[in-house]
């Protein structure tokens, strides 16, 4: 009997300690009514490209996939290429990922629209 009461008490404690969420569920949150763009914080690169898919890497850098361009303006236009972004919003650096294959030829041309980095 003591074991059953202890089990019930543990179960009640577990239920009570989970509590209720303090924020409303996504279905009950109001929809956004506007967007504010802070153009003074934009970084305008001299390089170019499109289809910028981003992901966060385990080392806290970001990796981005770029199509049809050369973000570092190094003189080679890629059909698809990866770059790493390191640093904070005020002091970030763009880095080439040279191990990424160059598949710019007609026989191996492709786009990278999704990205997952471990």
Protein backbone atom coordinates (compact mmCIF):
# COMPACT_ATOMS: atom_id res chain seq x y z
CA UNK A 1 0.00 0.00 0.00
CA UNK A 2 2.85 2.38 0.85
CA UNK A 3 4.41 1.74 -2.59
CA UNK A 4 1.12 2.55 -4.32
CA UNK A 5 0.72 5.82 -2.36
CA UNK A 6 4.33 6.77 -3.09
CA UNK A 7 3.77 6.06 -6.78
CA UNK A 8 0.58 8.14 -6.84
CA UNK A 9 2.34 10.99 -5.01
CA UNK A 10 5.22 10.90 -7.51
CA UNK A 11 2.78 10.91 -10.41
CA UNK A 12 0.84 13.88 -8.96
CA UNK A 13 4.11 15.78 -8.37
CA UNK A 14 5.18 15.13 -11.99
CA UNK A 15 1.85 16.39 -13.32
CA UNK A 16 1.89 19.48 -11.09
CA UNK A 17 5.49 20.38 -11.92
CA UNK A 18 4.90 20.48 -15.69
CA UNK A 19 2.46 23.40 -15.34
CA UNK A 20 0.84 25.22 -18.19
CA UNK A 21 2.62 27.19 -20.89
CA UNK A 22 2.69 30.92 -20.15
CA UNK A 23 2.40 31.87 -23.84
CA UNK A 24 -0.69 31.21 -25.90
CA UNK A 25 -0.60 28.31 -28.33
CA UNK A 26 0.37 29.18 -31.95
CA UNK A 27 -3.28 28.88 -32.99
CA UNK A 28 -4.25 31.65 -30.52
CA UNK A 29 -1.44 34.11 -31.17
CA UNK A 30 -2.39 37.23 -33.13
CA UNK A 31 -1.11 37.37 -36.72
CA UNK A 32 1.70 39.84 -37.52
CA UNK A 33 0.37 43.16 -38.76
CA UNK A 34 3.52 44.61 -40.30
CA UNK A 35 7.25 44.42 -40.91
CA UNK A 36 9.97 46.98 -40.27
CA UNK A 37 13.12 46.82 -42.41
CA UNK A 38 16.24 48.38 -40.88
CA UNK A 39 18.08 49.27 -44.08
CA UNK A 40 20.89 50.92 -42.11
CA UNK A 41 21.98 47.43 -40.96
CA UNK A 42 22.21 45.88 -44.45
CA UNK A 43 25.55 44.71 -45.79
CA UNK A 44 25.82 45.36 -49.52
CA UNK A 45 28.40 43.07 -51.08
CA UNK A 46 30.22 43.77 -54.32
CA UNK A 47 29.72 40.10 -55.18
CA UNK A 48 26.54 38.65 -56.52
CA UNK A 49 24.43 35.51 -56.51
CA UNK A 50 20.93 34.28 -55.75
CA UNK A 51 18.91 31.61 -53.89
CA UNK A 52 20.57 32.10 -50.50
CA UNK A 53 19.71 29.08 -48.33
CA UNK A 54 21.14 29.36 -44.79
CA UNK A 55 21.79 27.00 -41.92
CA UNK A 56 23.59 27.16 -38.58
CA UNK A 57 26.63 24.91 -38.10
CA UNK A 58 27.71 23.22 -34.86
CA UNK A 59 30.60 25.73 -34.48
CA UNK A 60 28.05 28.63 -34.40
CA UNK A 61 28.96 29.83 -37.88
CA UNK A 62 26.38 30.00 -40.65
CA UNK A 63 26.73 28.26 -44.00
CA UNK A 64 24.97 29.62 -47.06
CA UNK A 65 24.39 28.15 -50.49
CA UNK A 66 24.68 30.57 -53.40
CA UNK A 67 23.61 30.05 -57.03
CA UNK A 68 24.77 31.82 -60.20
CA UNK A 69 27.45 34.14 -58.92
CA UNK A 70 30.60 34.80 -56.94
CA UNK A 71 29.94 36.32 -53.52
CA UNK A 72 33.62 37.01 -52.81
CA UNK A 73 34.26 38.60 -56.23
CA UNK A 74 37.24 36.28 -56.73
CA UNK A 75 36.83 36.09 -60.49
CA UNK A 76 35.16 32.67 -60.80
CA UNK A 77 31.42 32.48 -61.35
CA UNK A 78 29.83 29.40 -59.76
CA UNK A 79 26.60 27.72 -60.72
CA UNK A 80 26.29 26.66 -57.05
CA UNK A 81 28.74 27.21 -54.18
CA UNK A 82 28.95 27.23 -50.37
CA UNK A 83 30.27 30.00 -48.16
CA UNK A 84 30.74 30.19 -44.38
CA UNK A 85 29.75 33.29 -42.37
CA UNK A 86 31.66 33.74 -39.09
CA UNK A 87 31.47 36.46 -36.46
CA UNK A 88 28.70 38.68 -35.18
CA UNK A 89 26.37 41.07 -36.98
CA UNK A 90 28.83 43.97 -36.74
CA UNK A 91 32.07 42.12 -37.55
CA UNK A 92 31.20 39.06 -39.65
CA UNK A 93 33.46 37.63 -42.34
CA UNK A 94 32.59 35.70 -45.49
CA UNK A 95 34.73 32.63 -46.18
CA UNK A 96 35.00 30.37 -49.19
CA UNK A 97 34.42 26.63 -48.62
CA UNK A 98 36.91 25.25 -51.16
CA UNK A 99 36.04 21.56 -50.56
CA UNK A 100 32.61 22.06 -52.15
CA UNK A 101 32.63 20.55 -55.67
CA UNK A 102 32.50 22.88 -58.67
CA UNK A 103 29.72 21.45 -60.79
CA UNK A 104 29.39 24.38 -63.21
CA UNK A 105 29.68 22.30 -66.39
CA UNK A 106 26.76 21.23 -68.55
CA UNK A 107 27.15 17.57 -67.60
CA UNK A 108 26.99 18.21 -63.85
CA UNK A 109 25.11 21.46 -63.48
CA UNK A 110 22.75 21.68 -60.48
CA UNK A 111 21.29 24.03 -57.90
CA UNK A 112 21.43 23.69 -54.12
CA UNK A 113 18.09 24.79 -52.70
CA UNK A 114 18.39 23.18 -49.28
CA UNK A 115 21.26 22.82 -46.88
CA UNK A 116 22.01 20.81 -43.75
CA UNK A 117 25.35 21.05 -41.95
CA UNK A 118 26.38 18.85 -39.07
